[in-house]
Amino acid sequence: MNQQFVQPGKLAQCIADIDRALAVRDTALAVRLAQEGLEAGRRHPLLFHLRAIWLTQIGRPRDALADLENAVRMAPRSPELLTEMAGCLNALGDYERAKNVAADALTLSPRLAAAWHQKGYAHQVLTELDEAHACFLEAVRIDPRAADAHARLANIAAGQGRYADARSHAAKALAIEPGNGAAMVASAAADIADQRLDEAQSRLDVVLSDPAALPPVRAVAAAQAGDICDAQGRTREAFDAYCRAGEMWRTYYEPHVRGAAPESGLALVARLSSGMEALPPGQWQ
């Protein structure tokens, strides 16, 4: 074990207490013990990892990333830590680095479905769709119950006009996770293509009324609602829906740009703009 985090006495007791909490699935207690340990000056990858999970859950990915970077410095060959780090990088809009970190995790553990998913997500946002498709396929091959990977395969298929594949993957995602937003918008895209506008609108209403739906998914749903209004000749309502979708995109991505260096911020805007112009609404993730 790395000597930089091996300390006798109190650290060993802290880790033992956390292990007992985790054994009985008392995650809240485990996180609290990890926080107390870090505040007391103790250092161990498990403590940083648990606090990072909590920080991610309360919407502080930048702070979570700092904890995961500390954990990875102490345990550089942990594919699980690298995978969670990739997830934070994706949440912060640093997609190129997320790809590389997820690839490092896969070098250590090629059958880690979550790492394939994080790598696929980064590729998808960067509109590297062949790579994204391959990553998500590998994720569901390893873990057939990876609902979000099925949903993103559905999303890619819908964006490419492969509506039968979109419906198939969306159905698998929704069977595992009813109400999955990405699967719902992929299904709605297939419905719109088939002129089943009422069914599409019903799906979109579910997504738009779900406070837990991710902002990019809600933006896609709003844009698709605009497509339905446009197809029905309700031009003003279509315009309003498109404006709502644009505002959702702006408020979601603007913090990424502000938090980046000037060069990387401009590059991010260029990538996002070109991606949104190149892809039909069902592919905007």
Protein backbone atom coordinates (compact mmCIF):
# COMPACT_ATOMS: atom_id res chain seq x y z
CA MET A 1 0.00 0.00 0.00
CA ASN A 2 1.22 3.52 -0.77
CA GLN A 3 3.08 4.84 2.28
CA GLN A 4 1.81 8.39 1.78
CA PHE A 5 -1.61 7.44 3.10
CA VAL A 6 -0.74 4.66 5.55
CA GLN A 7 -1.05 6.05 9.05
CA PRO A 8 -1.52 4.02 12.21
CA GLY A 9 -4.26 4.39 14.77
CA LYS A 10 -7.01 6.84 13.99
CA LEU A 11 -6.90 6.47 10.21
CA ALA A 12 -7.12 2.69 10.46
CA GLN A 13 -10.07 3.02 12.84
CA CYS A 14 -11.77 5.51 10.48
CA ILE A 15 -11.41 3.11 7.53
CA ALA A 16 -12.68 0.20 9.60
CA ASP A 17 -15.75 2.21 10.66
CA ILE A 18 -16.44 3.17 7.05
CA ASP A 19 -16.08 -0.44 5.91
CA ARG A 20 -18.65 -1.50 8.51
CA ALA A 21 -21.06 1.22 7.38
CA LEU A 22 -20.68 0.19 3.76
CA ALA A 23 -21.17 -3.48 4.65
CA VAL A 24 -24.66 -2.66 5.94
CA ARG A 25 -25.27 -0.21 3.05
CA ASP A 26 -25.36 2.84 5.31
CA THR A 27 -23.88 5.14 2.69
CA ALA A 28 -24.86 8.32 4.53
CA LEU A 29 -22.87 7.25 7.59
CA ALA A 30 -19.91 6.22 5.44
CA VAL A 31 -19.87 9.63 3.74
CA ARG A 32 -20.14 11.45 7.06
CA LEU A 33 -17.23 9.45 8.49
CA ALA A 34 -15.16 10.19 5.38
CA GLN A 35 -15.88 13.92 5.69
CA GLU A 36 -14.96 13.91 9.35
CA GLY A 37 -11.75 12.05 8.59
CA LEU A 38 -10.69 14.51 5.90
CA GLU A 39 -11.55 17.47 8.13
CA ALA A 40 -9.34 15.91 10.82
CA GLY A 41 -6.43 15.84 8.38
CA ARG A 42 -6.52 12.15 7.49
CA ARG A 43 -5.76 11.18 3.90
CA HIS A 44 -6.83 8.01 2.10
CA PRO A 45 -8.30 7.36 -1.37
CA LEU A 46 -11.50 5.95 0.14
CA LEU A 47 -12.14 9.16 2.09
CA PHE A 48 -11.68 11.35 -0.99
CA HIS A 49 -13.76 8.98 -3.10
CA LEU A 50 -16.73 8.96 -0.74
CA ARG A 51 -16.74 12.72 -0.38
CA ALA A 52 -16.50 13.06 -4.17
CA ILE A 53 -19.60 10.88 -4.59
CA TRP A 54 -21.50 13.12 -2.19
CA LEU A 55 -20.26 16.30 -3.88
CA THR A 56 -21.38 14.94 -7.25
CA GLN A 57 -24.82 14.13 -5.88
CA ILE A 58 -25.33 17.69 -4.59
CA GLY A 59 -24.23 19.25 -7.88
CA ARG A 60 -20.64 20.27 -7.13
CA PRO A 61 -18.66 18.41 -9.83
CA ARG A 62 -15.67 20.76 -9.70
CA ASP A 63 -15.13 20.08 -5.99
CA ALA A 64 -15.76 16.38 -6.61
CA LEU A 65 -13.11 16.42 -9.32
CA ALA A 66 -10.56 17.91 -6.91
CA ASP A 67 -11.20 15.10 -4.44
CA LEU A 68 -10.98 12.46 -7.17
CA GLU A 69 -7.69 13.93 -8.43
CA ASN A 70 -6.32 13.58 -4.89
CA ALA A 71 -7.57 10.01 -4.71
CA VAL A 72 -6.07 9.12 -8.11
CA ARG A 73 -2.69 10.54 -7.10
CA MET A 74 -2.74 8.12 -4.17
CA ALA A 75 -4.21 5.16 -6.10
CA PRO A 76 -3.32 5.75 -9.76
CA ARG A 77 -4.28 2.24 -10.87
CA SER A 78 -7.89 2.37 -9.72
CA PRO A 79 -10.17 2.13 -12.80
CA GLU A 80 -13.20 3.00 -10.67
CA LEU A 81 -11.65 6.27 -9.51
CA LEU A 82 -10.62 7.12 -13.07
CA THR A 83 -14.14 6.39 -14.31
CA GLU A 84 -15.72 8.70 -11.74
CA MET A 85 -13.13 11.33 -12.62
CA ALA A 86 -14.16 11.04 -16.27
CA GLY A 87 -17.76 11.54 -15.20
CA CYS A 88 -16.90 14.77 -13.40
CA LEU A 89 -14.93 16.00 -16.42
CA ASN A 90 -17.93 15.30 -18.64
CA ALA A 91 -20.17 17.20 -16.23
CA LEU A 92 -17.76 20.14 -16.39
CA GLY A 93 -17.57 20.11 -20.20
CA ASP A 94 -13.94 18.98 -20.42
CA TYR A 95 -14.79 16.25 -22.94
CA GLU A 96 -11.33 15.72 -24.44
CA ARG A 97 -9.81 15.07 -21.04
CA ALA A 98 -12.80 12.90 -20.08
CA LYS A 99 -12.14 10.67 -23.11
CA ASN A 100 -8.50 10.25 -22.13
CA VAL A 101 -9.23 9.51 -18.48
CA ALA A 102 -11.94 6.98 -19.40
CA ALA A 103 -9.49 5.36 -21.83
CA ASP A 104 -6.96 5.07 -18.98
CA ALA A 105 -9.63 3.33 -16.88
CA LEU A 106 -10.35 0.91 -19.72
CA THR A 107 -6.67 0.11 -20.12
CA LEU A 108 -6.76 -1.08 -16.51
CA SER A 109 -10.21 -2.71 -16.69
CA PRO A 110 -11.51 -3.31 -20.24
CA ARG A 111 -14.81 -4.75 -18.99
CA LEU A 112 -15.84 -1.74 -16.95
CA ALA A 113 -19.17 -0.75 -18.51
CA ALA A 114 -19.29 2.62 -16.74
CA ALA A 115 -15.96 3.64 -18.27
CA TRP A 116 -17.21 2.74 -21.76
CA HIS A 117 -20.28 4.86 -21.05
CA GLN A 118 -18.28 7.91 -19.93
CA LYS A 119 -16.00 7.62 -22.95
CA GLY A 120 -19.01 7.25 -25.23
CA TYR A 121 -20.70 10.28 -23.71
CA ALA A 122 -17.65 12.47 -24.37
CA HIS A 123 -17.45 11.24 -27.97
CA GLN A 124 -21.17 11.87 -28.45
CA VAL A 125 -21.06 15.46 -27.25
CA LEU A 126 -18.11 16.09 -29.56
CA THR A 127 -20.19 14.58 -32.41
CA GLU A 128 -17.72 11.72 -32.87
CA LEU A 129 -20.65 9.44 -33.43
CA ASP A 130 -18.93 6.31 -34.74
CA GLU A 131 -16.74 6.22 -31.64
CA ALA A 132 -19.68 7.00 -29.36
CA HIS A 133 -21.78 4.24 -30.93
CA ALA A 134 -18.98 1.70 -30.47
CA CYS A 135 -18.50 2.69 -26.81
CA PHE A 136 -22.19 2.47 -25.94
CA LEU A 137 -22.49 -0.88 -27.73
CA GLU A 138 -19.62 -2.22 -25.64
CA ALA A 139 -21.25 -0.85 -22.48
CA VAL A 140 -24.52 -2.71 -23.12
CA ARG A 141 -22.66 -5.86 -24.19
CA ILE A 142 -20.92 -5.91 -20.81
CA ASP A 143 -23.95 -4.74 -18.86
CA PRO A 144 -27.25 -5.34 -20.69
CA ARG A 145 -29.05 -3.37 -17.97
CA ALA A 146 -27.12 -0.16 -18.68
CA ALA A 147 -30.27 1.85 -19.36
CA ASP A 148 -28.60 5.14 -20.26
CA ALA A 149 -26.26 3.47 -22.75
CA HIS A 150 -29.29 1.91 -24.47
CA ALA A 151 -30.95 5.34 -24.45
CA ARG A 152 -27.95 6.99 -26.06
CA LEU A 153 -27.78 4.30 -28.72
CA ALA A 154 -31.44 5.09 -29.38
CA ASN A 155 -30.58 8.78 -29.56
CA ILE A 156 -27.77 8.25 -32.05
CA ALA A 157 -29.97 6.00 -34.20
CA ALA A 158 -32.79 8.58 -34.21
CA GLY A 159 -30.38 11.32 -35.20
CA GLN A 160 -29.22 9.20 -38.14
CA GLY A 161 -32.75 8.34 -39.26
CA ARG A 162 -32.56 4.70 -38.15
CA TYR A 163 -35.90 4.81 -36.40
CA ALA A 164 -36.42 1.05 -35.98
CA ASP A 165 -33.09 0.84 -34.11
CA ALA A 166 -34.04 3.94 -32.13
CA ARG A 167 -37.30 2.38 -31.01
CA SER A 168 -35.59 -0.92 -30.15
CA HIS A 169 -32.89 0.63 -27.95
CA ALA A 170 -35.34 3.10 -26.40
CA ALA A 171 -37.68 0.24 -25.47
CA LYS A 172 -34.81 -1.59 -23.76
CA ALA A 173 -33.84 1.55 -21.84
CA LEU A 174 -37.42 2.25 -20.75
CA ALA A 175 -37.97 -1.35 -19.66
CA ILE A 176 -35.04 -0.93 -17.27
CA GLU A 177 -35.61 2.71 -16.33
CA PRO A 178 -39.14 3.93 -17.04
CA GLY A 179 -39.16 7.61 -17.87
CA ASN A 180 -35.53 7.76 -19.04
CA GLY A 181 -35.45 11.16 -20.73
CA ALA A 182 -32.94 10.36 -23.46
CA ALA A 183 -34.96 7.29 -24.46
CA MET A 184 -38.18 9.29 -24.46
CA VAL A 185 -36.84 11.96 -26.81
CA ALA A 186 -35.42 9.29 -29.12
CA SER A 187 -38.83 7.63 -29.23
CA ALA A 188 -40.44 11.01 -29.83
CA ALA A 189 -38.09 11.63 -32.76
CA ALA A 190 -39.22 8.33 -34.30
CA ASP A 191 -42.87 9.27 -33.67
CA ILE A 192 -42.41 12.65 -35.36
CA ALA A 193 -40.80 10.99 -38.37
CA ASP A 194 -43.79 8.64 -38.59
CA GLN A 195 -46.24 11.55 -38.20
CA ARG A 196 -47.47 10.14 -34.89
CA LEU A 197 -47.52 13.61 -33.44
CA ASP A 198 -49.91 13.00 -30.55
CA GLU A 199 -47.78 10.11 -29.28
CA ALA A 200 -44.65 12.21 -29.62
CA GLN A 201 -46.22 15.08 -27.71
CA SER A 202 -47.28 12.75 -24.90
CA ARG A 203 -43.69 11.55 -24.50
CA LEU A 204 -42.33 15.10 -24.58
CA ASP A 205 -44.83 16.24 -21.97
CA VAL A 206 -43.45 13.60 -19.62
CA VAL A 207 -39.86 14.80 -20.14
CA LEU A 208 -40.68 18.50 -19.88
CA SER A 209 -42.65 18.00 -16.67
CA ASP A 210 -39.91 15.94 -15.03
CA PRO A 211 -37.75 18.16 -12.78
CA ALA A 212 -35.08 15.45 -12.73
CA ALA A 213 -34.63 15.45 -16.52
CA LEU A 214 -31.16 16.60 -17.53
CA PRO A 215 -31.03 20.10 -19.07
CA PRO A 216 -29.76 18.91 -22.50
CA VAL A 217 -32.56 16.34 -22.66
CA ARG A 218 -35.14 18.97 -21.72
CA ALA A 219 -33.71 21.26 -24.42
CA VAL A 220 -34.09 18.52 -27.02
CA ALA A 221 -37.65 17.88 -25.86
CA ALA A 222 -38.50 21.59 -26.12
CA ALA A 223 -37.09 21.75 -29.65
CA GLN A 224 -39.03 18.65 -30.65
CA ALA A 225 -42.21 20.21 -29.23
CA GLY A 226 -41.45 23.11 -31.55
CA ASP A 227 -41.16 20.70 -34.48
CA ILE A 228 -44.61 19.34 -33.66
CA CYS A 229 -46.11 22.82 -33.49
CA ASP A 230 -44.46 23.70 -36.79
CA ALA A 231 -45.83 20.54 -38.45
CA GLN A 232 -49.30 21.52 -37.24
CA GLY A 233 -49.01 25.05 -38.58
CA ARG A 234 -48.81 26.65 -35.13
CA THR A 235 -45.94 28.93 -36.09
CA ARG A 236 -45.97 31.23 -33.09
CA GLU A 237 -46.00 28.32 -30.63
CA ALA A 238 -43.19 26.69 -32.57
CA PHE A 239 -41.11 29.88 -32.33
CA ASP A 240 -41.71 30.08 -28.57
CA ALA A 241 -40.70 26.43 -28.13
CA TYR A 242 -37.49 26.94 -30.09
CA CYS A 243 -36.69 30.01 -27.98
CA ARG A 244 -37.19 27.97 -24.80
CA ALA A 245 -34.90 25.27 -26.14
CA GLY A 246 -32.22 27.83 -26.99
CA GLU A 247 -32.39 29.33 -23.53
CA MET A 248 -32.03 25.88 -21.97
CA TRP A 249 -28.91 25.26 -24.05
CA ARG A 250 -27.47 28.65 -23.14
CA THR A 251 -27.98 28.33 -19.40
CA TYR A 252 -26.59 24.79 -19.40
CA TYR A 253 -23.41 25.39 -21.40
CA GLU A 254 -22.57 28.96 -20.43
CA PRO A 255 -20.99 27.94 -17.07
CA HIS A 256 -18.68 25.52 -18.92
CA VAL A 257 -17.48 28.31 -21.18
CA ARG A 258 -17.05 30.80 -18.35
CA GLY A 259 -15.06 28.28 -16.33
CA ALA A 260 -12.68 27.51 -19.19
CA ALA A 261 -9.54 29.30 -20.32
CA PRO A 262 -10.23 31.74 -23.19
CA GLU A 263 -8.88 29.42 -25.87
CA SER A 264 -10.65 26.30 -24.63
CA GLY A 265 -13.86 28.26 -24.04
CA LEU A 266 -13.94 29.46 -27.63
CA ALA A 267 -13.16 25.96 -28.88
CA LEU A 268 -16.02 24.57 -26.80
CA VAL A 269 -18.48 27.09 -28.24
CA ALA A 270 -17.34 26.22 -31.77
CA ARG A 271 -17.76 22.49 -31.16
CA LEU A 272 -21.18 22.85 -29.59
CA SER A 273 -22.40 25.20 -32.31
CA SER A 274 -21.20 23.00 -35.13
CA GLY A 275 -22.60 19.92 -33.42
CA MET A 276 -26.05 21.42 -32.97
CA GLU A 277 -26.13 22.61 -36.56
CA ALA A 278 -24.99 19.25 -37.92
CA LEU A 279 -27.36 17.04 -35.96
CA PRO A 280 -31.13 16.73 -35.94
CA PRO A 281 -32.71 17.52 -32.55
CA GLY A 282 -32.83 13.91 -31.39
CA GLN A 283 -29.03 13.78 -31.36
CA TRP A 284 -28.36 16.87 -29.24
CA GLN A 285 -27.00 15.55 -25.95
